[in-house]
């Protein structure tokens, strides 16, 4: 609660609002009933799960960390979405990058300890984005724990590989689109198949948004790879075939 209130103060939230939030967080009761037994506990940590105000309070609590890192490490670009924090550092020497990243992650870990938050090293991953094949890397340690170096990572549903080929991202998108199409087809048109207009709606409203998620980022991976384009075209072809009557070929107009 203290971290949230400090963040609200740093964010210039009016005093009446801060007092109201403090009262709300301080006087919360958790009820548990199991096998006829009841238990009540008063909690003053965290925010209510699913609360409308909870994301805003978390942003206010975490924002001082972002400001601290930006001030102490001006060359760093740090972004956060809820509790997913990304730190980006550029350079030409991997050893220098490792030293600087160690300092940054150590500072983040220290800030979290000072504010009663946890920094999970096991969920922290490093990716070196480079086309250079000849480079070496030593272990990066934070508080005595190794932060692993990966060839790819997943952030907000986007798979980022070290060479930004977007192969894994496209494969994952097409796989999910295919699974959703088959599942919806089995549920809606299990006996007689889907009508063309229903299949068109299914593709445009459900399948295509899944397949094209974040496509403005990974579309560059399609420019020089026909195989990747072919994977997307297979999903479109499945949809077109389902729009046709199974008993006889026909032209379908929108």
Protein backbone atom coordinates (compact mmCIF):
# COMPACT_ATOMS: atom_id res chain seq x y z
CA UNK A 1 0.00 0.00 0.00
CA UNK A 2 2.87 2.37 0.81
CA UNK A 3 4.29 2.01 -2.69
CA UNK A 4 0.91 2.84 -4.24
CA UNK A 5 0.47 5.93 -2.07
CA UNK A 6 4.00 7.11 -2.88
CA UNK A 7 3.27 6.66 -6.56
CA UNK A 8 0.06 8.65 -6.23
CA UNK A 9 1.96 11.43 -4.48
CA UNK A 10 4.62 11.46 -7.21
CA UNK A 11 1.82 11.51 -9.79
CA UNK A 12 0.29 14.61 -8.18
CA UNK A 13 -2.98 12.86 -7.36
CA UNK A 14 -5.20 15.15 -5.25
CA UNK A 15 -5.01 14.59 -1.50
CA UNK A 16 -8.72 13.67 -1.06
CA UNK A 17 -8.34 10.93 -3.67
CA UNK A 18 -5.19 9.61 -1.98
CA UNK A 19 -6.96 9.49 1.37
CA UNK A 20 -9.93 7.69 -0.14
CA UNK A 21 -7.68 5.07 -1.79
CA UNK A 22 -5.72 4.59 1.44
CA UNK A 23 -8.94 3.99 3.36
CA UNK A 24 -10.14 1.53 0.70
CA UNK A 25 -6.92 -0.47 0.69
CA UNK A 26 -6.52 -0.46 4.47
CA UNK A 27 -9.97 -1.78 5.35
CA UNK A 28 -10.37 -4.84 3.14
CA UNK A 29 -11.60 -8.16 4.45
CA UNK A 30 -11.07 -11.52 2.75
CA UNK A 31 -13.68 -14.19 3.49
CA UNK A 32 -13.07 -17.91 3.08
CA UNK A 33 -15.55 -20.73 3.59
CA UNK A 34 -14.51 -24.36 3.29
CA UNK A 35 -16.25 -27.48 4.59
CA UNK A 36 -18.51 -25.44 6.82
CA UNK A 37 -15.64 -23.48 8.34
CA UNK A 38 -15.31 -19.73 7.86
CA UNK A 39 -12.27 -17.50 8.09
CA UNK A 40 -11.85 -13.75 7.81
CA UNK A 41 -8.58 -11.92 7.27
CA UNK A 42 -7.88 -8.21 6.99
CA UNK A 43 -5.37 -7.32 4.29
CA UNK A 44 -3.64 -4.07 3.40
CA UNK A 45 -1.35 -5.26 0.61
CA UNK A 46 -1.95 -5.26 -3.12
CA UNK A 47 -5.13 -4.20 -4.88
CA UNK A 48 -8.46 -6.01 -5.41
CA UNK A 49 -8.24 -8.63 -8.16
CA UNK A 50 -10.31 -7.49 -11.12
CA UNK A 51 -10.92 -4.07 -9.63
CA UNK A 52 -11.59 -1.24 -12.08
CA UNK A 53 -9.12 1.00 -10.29
CA UNK A 54 -6.43 -1.65 -9.78
CA UNK A 55 -4.58 -1.19 -13.15
CA UNK A 56 -4.36 2.56 -12.60
CA UNK A 57 -3.05 2.12 -9.06
CA UNK A 58 -0.43 -0.36 -10.28
CA UNK A 59 0.70 2.04 -13.00
CA UNK A 60 1.11 4.78 -10.42
CA UNK A 61 3.12 2.42 -8.22
CA UNK A 62 5.41 1.25 -11.03
CA UNK A 63 5.92 4.56 -12.80
CA UNK A 64 8.62 5.78 -10.36
CA UNK A 65 10.72 2.75 -11.33
CA UNK A 66 10.55 3.70 -15.01
CA UNK A 67 11.51 7.27 -14.18
CA UNK A 68 14.39 6.10 -11.98
CA UNK A 69 15.87 3.88 -14.69
CA UNK A 70 15.51 6.57 -17.35
CA UNK A 71 17.29 9.11 -15.14
CA UNK A 72 20.14 6.83 -14.04
CA UNK A 73 20.61 5.13 -17.42
CA UNK A 74 19.76 7.67 -20.14
CA UNK A 75 20.78 5.29 -22.95
CA UNK A 76 18.11 2.77 -21.95
CA UNK A 77 14.60 2.48 -23.35
CA UNK A 78 12.31 0.95 -20.73
CA UNK A 79 8.64 0.16 -21.33
CA UNK A 80 6.01 -1.51 -19.16
CA UNK A 81 2.60 -3.01 -19.75
CA UNK A 82 1.08 -3.89 -16.37
CA UNK A 83 3.78 -5.98 -14.67
CA UNK A 84 5.58 -6.90 -17.92
CA UNK A 85 8.64 -4.67 -18.12
CA UNK A 86 10.97 -4.52 -21.13
CA UNK A 87 14.44 -2.99 -21.06
CA UNK A 88 16.14 -2.26 -24.40
CA UNK A 89 19.83 -1.47 -24.72
CA UNK A 90 21.85 -1.01 -27.91
CA UNK A 91 25.57 -1.20 -28.59
CA UNK A 92 28.30 -2.84 -30.67
CA UNK A 93 30.17 -4.72 -27.93
CA UNK A 94 28.33 -7.67 -26.28
CA UNK A 95 30.56 -7.51 -23.20
CA UNK A 96 29.70 -3.84 -22.62
CA UNK A 97 26.02 -4.60 -23.11
CA UNK A 98 26.22 -7.40 -20.56
CA UNK A 99 27.87 -5.15 -17.97
CA UNK A 100 25.35 -2.36 -18.48
CA UNK A 101 22.40 -4.74 -18.44
CA UNK A 102 23.69 -6.28 -15.21
CA UNK A 103 23.78 -2.84 -13.62
CA UNK A 104 20.26 -2.05 -14.85
CA UNK A 105 18.71 -5.31 -13.66
CA UNK A 106 20.49 -5.04 -10.31
CA UNK A 107 19.08 -1.54 -9.89
CA UNK A 108 15.59 -2.77 -10.74
CA UNK A 109 15.93 -5.60 -8.23
CA UNK A 110 17.08 -3.16 -5.54
CA UNK A 111 14.20 -0.79 -6.25
CA UNK A 112 11.71 -3.65 -5.98
CA UNK A 113 13.18 -4.72 -2.63
CA UNK A 114 12.97 -1.15 -1.32
CA UNK A 115 9.31 -0.88 -2.28
CA UNK A 116 8.09 -4.28 -1.18
CA UNK A 117 7.81 -5.72 -4.69
CA UNK A 118 9.29 -8.90 -6.13
CA UNK A 119 11.69 -9.18 -9.04
CA UNK A 120 11.37 -12.69 -10.47
CA UNK A 121 14.70 -13.62 -12.06
CA UNK A 122 13.30 -16.95 -13.27
CA UNK A 123 10.79 -15.16 -15.50
CA UNK A 124 13.37 -12.69 -16.78
CA UNK A 125 14.89 -13.45 -20.19
CA UNK A 126 17.58 -11.89 -22.35
CA UNK A 127 17.61 -11.82 -26.15
CA UNK A 128 20.47 -10.49 -28.27
CA UNK A 129 18.98 -9.06 -31.46
CA UNK A 130 21.76 -9.22 -34.03
CA UNK A 131 22.56 -10.62 -37.46
CA UNK A 132 26.19 -11.07 -36.49
CA UNK A 133 27.07 -14.75 -36.14
CA UNK A 134 30.41 -14.26 -34.39
CA UNK A 135 29.95 -12.99 -30.87
CA UNK A 136 30.45 -14.38 -27.38
CA UNK A 137 28.42 -14.05 -24.23
CA UNK A 138 29.22 -14.67 -20.59
CA UNK A 139 26.64 -15.46 -17.93
CA UNK A 140 24.69 -12.50 -16.63
CA UNK A 141 24.16 -12.73 -12.87
CA UNK A 142 21.74 -10.69 -10.75
CA UNK A 143 21.77 -11.20 -6.98
CA UNK A 144 23.57 -14.50 -7.42
CA UNK A 145 21.07 -15.87 -9.96
CA UNK A 146 21.67 -16.32 -13.66
CA UNK A 147 19.42 -14.54 -16.13
CA UNK A 148 19.26 -16.88 -19.16
CA UNK A 149 20.03 -15.81 -22.71
CA UNK A 150 17.38 -17.02 -25.18
CA UNK A 151 17.12 -17.11 -28.94
CA UNK A 152 13.55 -15.84 -28.71
CA UNK A 153 11.07 -14.47 -26.23
CA UNK A 154 7.36 -13.74 -26.07
CA UNK A 155 6.06 -10.33 -25.10
CA UNK A 156 2.38 -9.40 -25.14
CA UNK A 157 1.61 -12.31 -27.44
CA UNK A 158 4.37 -11.41 -29.91
CA UNK A 159 7.23 -13.88 -30.44
CA UNK A 160 10.49 -12.02 -30.98
CA UNK A 161 13.36 -14.10 -32.34
CA UNK A 162 16.96 -12.93 -32.20
CA UNK A 163 17.16 -12.23 -35.95
CA UNK A 164 13.62 -10.84 -36.27
CA UNK A 165 12.68 -13.28 -39.00
CA UNK A 166 9.19 -13.64 -37.44
CA UNK A 167 9.05 -17.29 -38.46
CA UNK A 168 7.86 -18.54 -35.07
CA UNK A 169 5.38 -15.69 -34.78
CA UNK A 170 3.75 -16.52 -38.12
CA UNK A 171 3.70 -20.24 -37.33
CA UNK A 172 2.02 -19.55 -33.98
CA UNK A 173 -0.55 -17.20 -35.50
CA UNK A 174 -1.52 -19.64 -38.25
CA UNK A 175 -1.66 -22.55 -35.80
CA UNK A 176 -4.02 -20.68 -33.50
CA UNK A 177 -6.18 -19.54 -36.41
CA UNK A 178 -6.46 -23.10 -37.72
CA UNK A 179 -7.40 -24.48 -34.30
CA UNK A 180 -10.05 -21.82 -33.75
CA UNK A 181 -11.52 -22.36 -37.21
CA UNK A 182 -11.82 -26.11 -36.68
CA UNK A 183 -13.29 -25.71 -33.20
CA UNK A 184 -15.89 -23.18 -34.31
CA UNK A 185 -16.79 -25.26 -37.35
CA UNK A 186 -17.33 -28.34 -35.18
CA UNK A 187 -19.48 -26.43 -32.71
CA UNK A 188 -21.64 -24.44 -35.14
CA UNK A 189 -21.91 -26.71 -38.16
CA UNK A 190 -21.15 -30.19 -36.88
CA UNK A 191 -23.89 -31.97 -38.85
CA UNK A 192 -24.44 -30.15 -42.13
CA UNK A 193 -21.46 -27.84 -42.26
CA UNK A 194 -21.45 -24.06 -42.17
CA UNK A 195 -23.48 -21.84 -44.45
CA UNK A 196 -21.36 -19.48 -46.58
CA UNK A 197 -22.49 -16.35 -44.76
CA UNK A 198 -21.80 -17.96 -41.39
CA UNK A 199 -18.33 -19.04 -42.49
CA UNK A 200 -17.63 -15.54 -43.78
CA UNK A 201 -18.62 -14.07 -40.43
CA UNK A 202 -16.55 -16.67 -38.58
CA UNK A 203 -13.46 -15.87 -40.63
CA UNK A 204 -13.71 -12.07 -40.55
CA UNK A 205 -14.82 -11.72 -36.91
CA UNK A 206 -12.84 -14.46 -35.16
CA UNK A 207 -10.20 -16.21 -37.28
CA UNK A 208 -8.67 -13.27 -39.14
CA UNK A 209 -8.15 -11.08 -36.04
CA UNK A 210 -6.30 -13.96 -34.40
CA UNK A 211 -4.16 -14.58 -37.47
CA UNK A 212 -3.29 -10.90 -38.05
CA UNK A 213 -2.61 -9.94 -34.42
CA UNK A 214 0.22 -7.36 -34.36
CA UNK A 215 0.72 -7.85 -38.11
CA UNK A 216 1.90 -4.25 -38.53
CA UNK A 217 5.05 -5.39 -36.72
CA UNK A 218 5.76 -8.80 -38.27
CA UNK A 219 4.54 -8.08 -41.81
CA UNK A 220 8.15 -7.28 -42.76
CA UNK A 221 8.89 -10.99 -42.37
CA UNK A 222 6.65 -11.74 -45.37
CA UNK A 223 8.48 -9.58 -47.87
CA UNK A 224 11.16 -12.10 -48.79
CA UNK A 225 9.66 -15.43 -47.75
CA UNK A 226 7.05 -17.16 -49.92
CA UNK A 227 6.74 -20.05 -47.47
CA UNK A 228 5.49 -17.73 -44.75
CA UNK A 229 2.96 -16.17 -47.09
CA UNK A 230 1.87 -19.67 -48.08
CA UNK A 231 1.06 -20.53 -44.45
CA UNK A 232 -1.29 -17.58 -44.22
CA UNK A 233 -2.85 -18.39 -47.58
CA UNK A 234 -3.65 -21.92 -46.40
CA UNK A 235 -5.89 -20.49 -43.68
CA UNK A 236 -7.65 -18.30 -46.24
CA UNK A 237 -8.07 -21.28 -48.55
CA UNK A 238 -9.65 -23.34 -45.74
CA UNK A 239 -12.13 -20.55 -45.18
CA UNK A 240 -12.98 -20.23 -48.87
CA UNK A 241 -13.54 -23.98 -49.24
CA UNK A 242 -15.89 -23.98 -46.28
CA UNK A 243 -17.92 -21.16 -47.81
CA UNK A 244 -18.81 -23.39 -50.75
CA UNK A 245 -21.64 -25.89 -50.56
CA UNK A 246 -20.20 -29.34 -49.87
CA UNK A 247 -22.63 -31.03 -52.25
CA UNK A 248 -21.84 -29.04 -55.38
CA UNK A 249 -19.51 -26.25 -56.54
CA UNK A 250 -21.05 -22.84 -56.67
CA UNK A 251 -20.16 -19.18 -56.94
CA UNK A 252 -20.59 -17.30 -53.70
CA UNK A 253 -21.17 -13.60 -53.59
CA UNK A 254 -20.82 -11.45 -50.56
